[in-house]
Structures are given as C-alpha cells and as structure tokens.
Protein backbone atom coordinates (compact mmCIF):
# COMPACT_ATOMS: atom_id res chain seq x y z
CA UNK A 1 -6.78 -11.55 9.39
CA UNK A 2 -8.31 -11.78 5.93
CA UNK A 3 -6.95 -9.91 2.89
CA UNK A 4 -9.22 -9.45 -0.11
CA UNK A 5 -9.68 -7.13 -3.05
CA UNK A 6 -11.86 -4.18 -2.14
CA UNK A 7 -15.44 -4.26 -3.40
CA UNK A 8 -17.88 -1.47 -4.17
CA UNK A 9 -19.30 -2.01 -0.67
CA UNK A 10 -15.96 -0.80 0.72
CA UNK A 11 -16.30 2.59 -0.99
CA UNK A 12 -17.57 4.49 2.07
CA UNK A 13 -14.92 3.02 4.35
CA UNK A 14 -12.19 4.12 1.94
CA UNK A 15 -13.74 7.51 1.18
CA UNK A 16 -14.00 8.33 4.87
CA UNK A 17 -10.42 7.33 5.70
CA UNK A 18 -8.11 7.58 2.68
CA UNK A 19 -7.58 11.32 2.35
CA UNK A 20 -4.75 10.88 -0.18
CA UNK A 21 -6.93 9.41 -2.93
CA UNK A 22 -9.29 11.59 -4.95
CA UNK A 23 -12.86 10.44 -4.36
CA UNK A 24 -13.62 9.94 -8.05
CA UNK A 25 -10.69 7.49 -8.32
CA UNK A 26 -11.85 5.12 -5.58
CA UNK A 27 -14.32 3.08 -7.63
CA UNK A 28 -12.03 2.75 -10.68
CA UNK A 29 -9.22 1.49 -8.41
CA UNK A 30 -11.65 -0.96 -6.80
CA UNK A 31 -12.75 -2.16 -10.25
CA UNK A 32 -9.09 -2.62 -11.28
CA UNK A 33 -8.39 -4.68 -8.11
CA UNK A 34 -5.77 -2.15 -6.98
CA UNK A 35 -7.00 -1.90 -3.39
CA UNK A 36 -6.87 -4.63 -0.75
CA UNK A 37 -9.03 -4.52 2.37
CA UNK A 38 -7.82 -6.13 5.58
CA UNK A 39 -10.49 -7.56 7.87
CA UNK A 40 -10.26 -9.20 11.25
CA UNK A 41 -11.82 -12.60 12.03
CA UNK A 42 -15.16 -10.91 12.77
CA UNK A 43 -15.19 -9.19 9.37
CA UNK A 44 -14.40 -5.70 10.67
CA UNK A 45 -12.22 -3.57 8.39
CA UNK A 46 -8.83 -3.02 9.99
CA UNK A 47 -6.97 -1.36 7.12
CA UNK A 48 -6.20 -1.22 3.43
CA UNK A 49 -3.38 -1.22 0.93
CA UNK A 50 -3.57 0.33 -2.50
CA UNK A 51 -1.20 0.47 -5.41
CA UNK A 52 -0.76 1.80 -8.91
CA UNK A 53 1.99 1.58 -11.51
CA UNK A 54 5.14 3.68 -11.72
CA UNK A 55 5.91 4.44 -15.38
CA UNK A 56 2.68 2.51 -16.11
CA UNK A 57 4.48 -0.83 -15.70
CA UNK A 58 6.09 -1.21 -12.26
CA UNK A 59 3.77 -1.96 -9.31
CA UNK A 60 4.01 0.90 -6.84
CA UNK A 61 2.48 0.64 -3.35
CA UNK A 62 0.87 4.03 -2.72
CA UNK A 63 -0.73 3.53 0.66
CA UNK A 64 -0.65 1.05 3.49
CA UNK A 65 -2.88 1.90 6.44
CA UNK A 66 -3.62 -0.18 9.51
CA UNK A 67 -6.17 1.14 12.00
CA UNK A 68 -4.46 2.28 15.21
CA UNK A 69 -5.88 -0.51 17.39
CA UNK A 70 -4.43 -3.17 15.07
CA UNK A 71 -0.92 -1.84 14.54
CA UNK A 72 2.28 -3.68 15.50
CA UNK A 73 0.71 -7.11 15.10
CA UNK A 74 2.31 -8.07 11.78
CA UNK A 75 -0.70 -7.21 9.60
CA UNK A 76 1.29 -4.68 7.56
CA UNK A 77 3.99 -7.22 6.78
CA UNK A 78 1.34 -9.77 5.89
CA UNK A 79 -0.42 -7.56 3.35
CA UNK A 80 2.86 -6.40 1.78
CA UNK A 81 3.96 -10.02 1.29
CA UNK A 82 0.50 -10.91 -0.04
CA UNK A 83 0.77 -8.09 -2.61
CA UNK A 84 4.33 -9.03 -3.56
CA UNK A 85 3.25 -12.65 -4.10
CA UNK A 86 0.36 -11.53 -6.30
CA UNK A 87 2.66 -9.27 -8.33
CA UNK A 88 5.14 -12.14 -8.74
CA UNK A 89 2.33 -14.43 -9.97
CA UNK A 90 1.55 -11.76 -12.58
CA UNK A 91 5.14 -11.98 -13.81
CA UNK A 92 6.44 -8.81 -12.18
CA UNK A 93 10.08 -8.82 -11.07
CA UNK A 94 10.25 -5.47 -9.28
CA UNK A 95 7.94 -3.54 -6.95
CA UNK A 96 8.25 -0.04 -5.57
CA UNK A 97 7.02 2.17 -2.77
CA UNK A 98 7.99 5.44 -1.13
CA UNK A 99 7.91 7.05 2.28
CA UNK A 100 8.80 10.40 3.73
CA UNK A 101 12.19 10.62 5.40
CA UNK A 102 10.56 11.91 8.60
CA UNK A 103 8.34 8.81 8.92
CA UNK A 104 9.28 5.56 10.60
CA UNK A 105 7.84 3.53 7.71
CA UNK A 106 11.21 3.60 5.94
CA UNK A 107 12.55 1.17 8.57
CA UNK A 108 9.51 -1.10 8.14
CA UNK A 109 10.11 -1.34 4.38
CA UNK A 110 13.85 -1.90 4.75
CA UNK A 111 13.14 -4.83 7.10
CA UNK A 112 11.00 -6.30 4.33
CA UNK A 113 13.90 -6.07 1.87
CA UNK A 114 13.18 -2.75 0.16
CA UNK A 115 16.23 -0.77 -0.90
CA UNK A 116 16.59 2.97 -1.26
CA UNK A 117 16.46 3.81 -4.96
CA UNK A 118 16.41 7.61 -4.98
CA UNK A 119 14.46 10.50 -3.62
CA UNK A 120 12.18 13.35 -4.49
CA UNK A 121 12.41 16.74 -2.87
CA UNK A 122 9.43 19.06 -3.24
CA UNK A 123 9.41 22.58 -1.90
CA UNK A 124 8.26 22.78 1.73
CA UNK A 125 7.93 18.98 2.00
CA UNK A 126 10.08 16.35 3.70
CA UNK A 127 12.31 14.26 1.48
CA UNK A 128 10.39 11.41 -0.20
CA UNK A 129 12.47 8.21 -0.31
CA UNK A 130 11.78 5.96 -3.30
CA UNK A 131 12.32 2.26 -2.58
CA UNK A 132 12.44 -0.86 -4.73
CA UNK A 133 12.46 -4.59 -4.15
CA UNK A 134 13.25 -7.40 -6.56
CA UNK A 135 10.64 -10.15 -6.16
C-alpha cells in the first residue's frame, strides 16, 4: 500500500465518497495537505484519512475510511501510524480523534494507544467519545 497526500486529481474520488466533508472544503484541505490517499500496488484508491486541528493547534483525525474490500488487512493502522509520525516530525506531542460509542472503531483506536479523554452528547445522536494519544 502507498500513502500520499491527496492531490487535486483526487477531488472526484473524495467528493463521491466522503459525505461528511462539505464539497467546498475538499480542495482547501487538499491544498493544506490534510488528506492522505491510500492506494494499492496497482495505484487504485483504497481509502483516505483526513484531519484538522482541535482548538486550532492539536491534530485531530476526522475521518479514516478504508474501502470494504480492503478492510482488516492492517491498512488503517498503517495510515494512522504514518500520520502520527508526520505529526511528531512537525513537533506535535498530542493527537486526537473521536468515534461514536456505538461504533467498533473505539476498540481499533484503543489498540493503537488512544485513551478516552471525554465525550460529547448531542440530542438524538449516539455518544461521541473523544480520544487522545501522546506521540
């Protein structure tokens, strides 16, 4: 698998699949190198990871998506570690993410060393677990 910063040529792939990101924010996030694209050995897109900054200073992983056919092969762990290493090289000492309490992703993040740091409860939504990791 290859992990690289998304390019403008990845816009359509992201627009068609990432329904949690407003369309007009895709290109600015690409330009800021805040989206990684995962590709298999043949160059086919197999997923993405995007992040932003909590409180404008703490890297916060917003979305990790692996296409169904490529799940449970370690690609998610690989891209999270890649991102953490890049954040560490930038001098960051803490990263964050979140997941809904009714999703299995919380166990994935805990295995990678993320710790529960709090939660957010919105009306008519499952509990959102905030997680942090010292890097």
